[in-house]
Protein backbone atom coordinates (compact mmCIF):
# COMPACT_ATOMS: atom_id res chain seq x y z
CA UNK A 1 -24.75 8.08 19.07
CA UNK A 2 -27.60 9.09 16.75
CA UNK A 3 -25.70 12.21 15.68
CA UNK A 4 -22.62 10.12 14.83
CA UNK A 5 -24.69 7.67 12.75
CA UNK A 6 -26.51 10.56 11.08
CA UNK A 7 -23.28 12.37 10.22
CA UNK A 8 -21.62 9.25 8.81
CA UNK A 9 -24.75 8.35 6.83
CA UNK A 10 -24.91 11.87 5.39
CA UNK A 11 -21.29 11.73 4.25
CA UNK A 12 -21.69 8.23 2.81
CA UNK A 13 -24.91 9.21 1.03
CA UNK A 14 -23.18 12.23 -0.51
CA UNK A 15 -20.26 10.09 -1.73
CA UNK A 16 -22.64 7.52 -3.26
CA UNK A 17 -24.63 10.18 -5.14
CA UNK A 18 -21.43 11.90 -6.29
CA UNK A 19 -20.03 8.66 -7.68
CA UNK A 20 -23.30 7.79 -9.44
CA UNK A 21 -23.35 11.31 -10.96
CA UNK A 22 -19.81 10.83 -12.27
CA UNK A 23 -20.76 7.44 -13.67
CA UNK A 24 -23.84 8.86 -15.43
CA UNK A 25 -21.97 11.94 -16.70
CA UNK A 26 -19.33 9.70 -18.22
CA UNK A 27 -21.98 7.81 -20.14
CA UNK A 28 -24.25 10.70 -21.17
CA UNK A 29 -21.76 13.44 -21.97
CA UNK A 30 -18.69 11.40 -22.82
CA UNK A 31 -17.15 13.13 -19.82
CA UNK A 32 -13.84 11.70 -18.70
CA UNK A 33 -10.45 12.57 -17.32
CA UNK A 34 -7.27 10.67 -16.67
CA UNK A 35 -7.91 7.98 -14.08
CA UNK A 36 -11.69 8.02 -14.57
CA UNK A 37 -11.73 4.38 -15.69
CA UNK A 38 -9.91 3.38 -12.51
CA UNK A 39 -12.29 5.37 -10.32
CA UNK A 40 -15.37 3.87 -11.98
CA UNK A 41 -13.83 0.40 -11.82
CA UNK A 42 -13.32 0.71 -8.07
CA UNK A 43 -16.81 2.14 -7.63
CA UNK A 44 -18.37 -0.75 -9.53
CA UNK A 45 -16.46 -3.08 -7.25
CA UNK A 46 -17.74 -1.56 -4.01
CA UNK A 47 -21.05 0.09 -4.92
CA UNK A 48 -23.14 -2.71 -3.45
CA UNK A 49 -21.24 -2.54 -0.17
CA UNK A 50 -21.50 1.26 -0.03
CA UNK A 51 -25.27 0.91 -0.21
CA UNK A 52 -25.23 -1.77 2.50
CA UNK A 53 -23.12 0.52 4.69
CA UNK A 54 -25.56 3.38 4.17
CA UNK A 55 -28.54 1.17 4.96
CA UNK A 56 -26.73 -0.12 8.04
CA UNK A 57 -25.98 3.37 9.34
CA UNK A 58 -29.53 4.57 8.77
CA UNK A 59 -30.89 1.45 10.48
CA UNK A 60 -28.57 1.92 13.45
CA UNK A 61 -29.58 5.56 13.65
CA UNK A 62 -33.24 4.54 13.75
CA UNK A 63 -32.65 1.85 16.36
CA UNK A 64 -30.15 3.73 18.57
CA UNK A 65 -30.97 2.98 22.19
CA UNK A 66 -33.03 -0.12 21.41
CA UNK A 67 -30.52 -2.87 22.16
CA UNK A 68 -32.57 -5.94 21.21
CA UNK A 69 -33.84 -4.48 17.95
CA UNK A 70 -30.33 -3.21 17.13
CA UNK A 71 -28.91 -6.69 17.67
CA UNK A 72 -31.55 -8.26 15.40
CA UNK A 73 -30.87 -5.59 12.75
CA UNK A 74 -27.10 -6.13 12.90
CA UNK A 75 -27.55 -9.90 12.57
CA UNK A 76 -29.82 -9.44 9.53
CA UNK A 77 -27.42 -6.96 7.94
CA UNK A 78 -24.49 -9.31 8.54
CA UNK A 79 -26.46 -12.16 6.96
CA UNK A 80 -27.16 -10.07 3.85
CA UNK A 81 -23.55 -8.90 3.50
CA UNK A 82 -22.04 -12.36 4.09
CA UNK A 83 -24.37 -14.08 1.64
CA UNK A 84 -23.34 -11.66 -1.12
CA UNK A 85 -19.93 -13.34 -1.11
CA UNK A 86 -21.58 -16.44 -2.59
CA UNK A 87 -21.96 -15.84 -6.36
CA UNK A 88 -24.86 -18.25 -6.81
CA UNK A 89 -26.97 -16.17 -4.41
CA UNK A 90 -26.05 -12.82 -5.95
CA UNK A 91 -26.62 -14.16 -9.49
CA UNK A 92 -30.13 -15.32 -8.59
CA UNK A 93 -31.43 -11.75 -8.16
CA UNK A 94 -29.03 -9.61 -10.18
CA UNK A 95 -29.81 -9.08 -13.85
CA UNK A 96 -27.45 -10.74 -16.27
């Protein structure tokens, strides 16, 4: 199971870095192509959840085989993800 988590985390990490590089290149070099605004719009929408997914996979990889600790980790991760759906919580720590 560790190899599965590691493989998925590697792919997700690569996608996150690639999307951040595109976002930064667009700003720094005025780099763009048709559909770039749509791609960046979707990325801005899901970037927080991509990072949560990556953290979740890495945590599950670390805790593979440790059932009680894995359960506690999954409950904490679910709490963090669910509470982000409440704007007043997210606005309390995100910059305006």
